[in-house]
Amino acid sequence: MLNTILTSLSIGAMIVAAQSLWKQAISKAGENFNLDYIFSKKFFSFILSPYLLGGLIIYALATLLYFFALSKYPYSIVQTIVVSSSLIFTFASAHLLFHESITPKQILGLVILLLGVWLIVNK
């Protein structure tokens, strides 16, 4: 069970790391992401951004690890841990990297989420 949990947590962390890099790429672009931007010359530098490319590589690796996890462990456990850990890692990333505030209500929601995950994982 520990391997299932650690593998699933790794997948969740990798997904959030990739998405955080994409958020950074979009922030660095300094533009509203719209149709005009997509057809501008600036879009090509965005596509070649190390943040965007790094996020794609990490996301691809997370997907491969997810395939491995699905081949070895119960889907209900893997998916529960991946999704819930992604939410927790997202809040941590938002706060630490993007300086977003976290409200007490959101913290309570995360605690309830963790309780639900614990109930599911410990059948």
Protein backbone atom coordinates (compact mmCIF):
# COMPACT_ATOMS: atom_id res chain seq x y z
CA MET A 1 0.00 0.00 0.00
CA LEU A 2 2.89 2.35 0.74
CA ASN A 3 4.15 1.98 -2.85
CA THR A 4 0.68 2.85 -4.16
CA ILE A 5 0.53 5.98 -2.00
CA LEU A 6 4.07 7.15 -2.83
CA THR A 7 3.63 6.54 -6.56
CA SER A 8 0.29 8.36 -6.60
CA LEU A 9 1.67 11.27 -4.57
CA SER A 10 4.57 11.54 -7.04
CA ILE A 11 2.16 11.70 -9.95
CA GLY A 12 0.12 14.43 -8.24
CA ALA A 13 3.27 16.44 -7.48
CA MET A 14 4.53 16.10 -11.04
CA ILE A 15 1.21 17.22 -12.52
CA VAL A 16 1.18 20.33 -10.33
CA ALA A 17 4.85 21.05 -11.06
CA ALA A 18 4.12 20.91 -14.79
CA GLN A 19 1.06 23.13 -14.48
CA SER A 20 2.98 25.60 -12.30
CA LEU A 21 5.63 25.84 -15.02
CA TRP A 22 2.87 26.52 -17.56
CA LYS A 23 1.46 29.24 -15.32
CA GLN A 24 4.94 30.74 -15.13
CA ALA A 25 5.28 30.57 -18.94
CA ILE A 26 2.00 32.41 -19.38
CA SER A 27 2.98 34.99 -16.75
CA LYS A 28 6.33 35.56 -18.48
CA ALA A 29 4.54 36.07 -21.80
CA GLY A 30 2.91 39.13 -20.23
CA GLU A 31 0.02 39.00 -22.64
CA ASN A 32 -3.59 38.02 -22.46
CA PHE A 33 -3.77 34.63 -24.06
CA ASN A 34 -6.16 35.29 -26.94
CA LEU A 35 -6.50 34.59 -30.65
CA ASP A 36 -4.40 37.62 -31.64
CA TYR A 37 -1.56 36.43 -29.41
CA ILE A 38 -1.69 32.91 -30.86
CA PHE A 39 -1.18 34.26 -34.38
CA SER A 40 1.55 36.73 -33.40
CA LYS A 41 5.31 36.30 -33.56
CA LYS A 42 5.39 36.36 -29.75
CA PHE A 43 3.57 33.04 -29.66
CA PHE A 44 6.57 31.20 -31.10
CA SER A 45 8.81 32.43 -28.29
CA PHE A 46 6.11 31.31 -25.86
CA ILE A 47 6.06 27.83 -27.43
CA LEU A 48 9.85 27.59 -27.08
CA SER A 49 9.84 28.85 -23.48
CA PRO A 50 11.80 26.60 -21.11
CA TYR A 51 8.87 26.83 -18.69
CA LEU A 52 6.43 25.50 -21.27
CA LEU A 53 8.79 22.81 -22.55
CA GLY A 54 9.79 21.78 -19.03
CA GLY A 55 6.13 21.50 -18.08
CA LEU A 56 5.44 19.32 -21.12
CA ILE A 57 8.31 16.98 -20.27
CA ILE A 58 7.26 16.66 -16.63
CA TYR A 59 3.63 16.11 -17.62
CA ALA A 60 4.66 13.38 -20.07
CA LEU A 61 6.72 11.66 -17.37
CA ALA A 62 3.79 11.92 -14.94
CA THR A 63 1.56 10.29 -17.54
CA LEU A 64 3.99 7.38 -17.97
CA LEU A 65 4.16 6.94 -14.19
CA TYR A 66 0.34 7.05 -14.09
CA PHE A 67 0.17 4.25 -16.68
CA PHE A 68 2.56 2.22 -14.52
CA ALA A 69 0.46 2.89 -11.41
CA LEU A 70 -2.74 1.83 -13.18
CA SER A 71 -1.10 -1.42 -14.26
CA LYS A 72 -0.04 -2.30 -10.69
CA TYR A 73 -2.52 -0.78 -8.24
CA PRO A 74 -6.32 -0.38 -7.86
CA TYR A 75 -7.70 2.47 -9.97
CA SER A 76 -9.94 3.72 -7.15
CA ILE A 77 -6.96 4.21 -4.84
CA VAL A 78 -4.55 5.64 -7.42
CA GLN A 79 -7.08 8.12 -8.81
CA THR A 80 -8.24 9.23 -5.37
CA ILE A 81 -4.71 9.97 -4.21
CA VAL A 82 -3.61 11.60 -7.49
CA VAL A 83 -6.60 13.96 -7.62
CA SER A 84 -6.60 14.87 -3.94
CA SER A 85 -2.84 15.32 -3.74
CA SER A 86 -2.99 17.48 -6.86
CA LEU A 87 -5.40 19.78 -5.05
CA ILE A 88 -3.18 19.98 -1.99
CA PHE A 89 -0.04 20.55 -4.06
CA THR A 90 -1.92 23.18 -6.08
CA PHE A 91 -2.71 25.19 -2.96
CA ALA A 92 0.90 24.91 -1.78
CA SER A 93 2.19 25.97 -5.20
CA ALA A 94 -0.27 28.85 -5.46
CA HIS A 95 0.78 30.14 -2.06
CA LEU A 96 4.54 29.55 -2.26
CA LEU A 97 5.22 30.31 -5.93
CA PHE A 98 2.49 32.73 -6.93
CA HIS A 99 1.91 34.40 -3.53
CA GLU A 100 -1.80 33.69 -3.51
CA SER A 101 -3.50 33.80 -0.14
CA ILE A 102 -5.22 30.75 1.32
CA THR A 103 -8.32 31.36 3.40
CA PRO A 104 -9.30 29.47 6.55
CA LYS A 105 -12.31 28.08 4.65
CA GLN A 106 -9.97 26.64 2.01
CA ILE A 107 -7.77 25.10 4.70
CA LEU A 108 -10.86 23.51 6.27
CA GLY A 109 -11.77 22.13 2.84
CA LEU A 110 -8.32 20.59 2.48
CA VAL A 111 -8.60 18.99 5.93
CA ILE A 112 -11.98 17.50 5.00
CA LEU A 113 -10.47 16.30 1.71
CA LEU A 114 -7.63 14.57 3.57
CA LEU A 115 -10.10 12.90 5.89
CA GLY A 116 -12.07 11.62 2.91
CA VAL A 117 -8.93 10.28 1.24
CA TRP A 118 -7.93 8.53 4.45
CA LEU A 119 -11.38 6.89 4.65
CA ILE A 120 -11.14 5.70 1.04
CA VAL A 121 -7.58 4.42 1.22
CA ASN A 122 -8.10 2.62 4.55
CA LYS A 123 -11.10 0.50 3.53
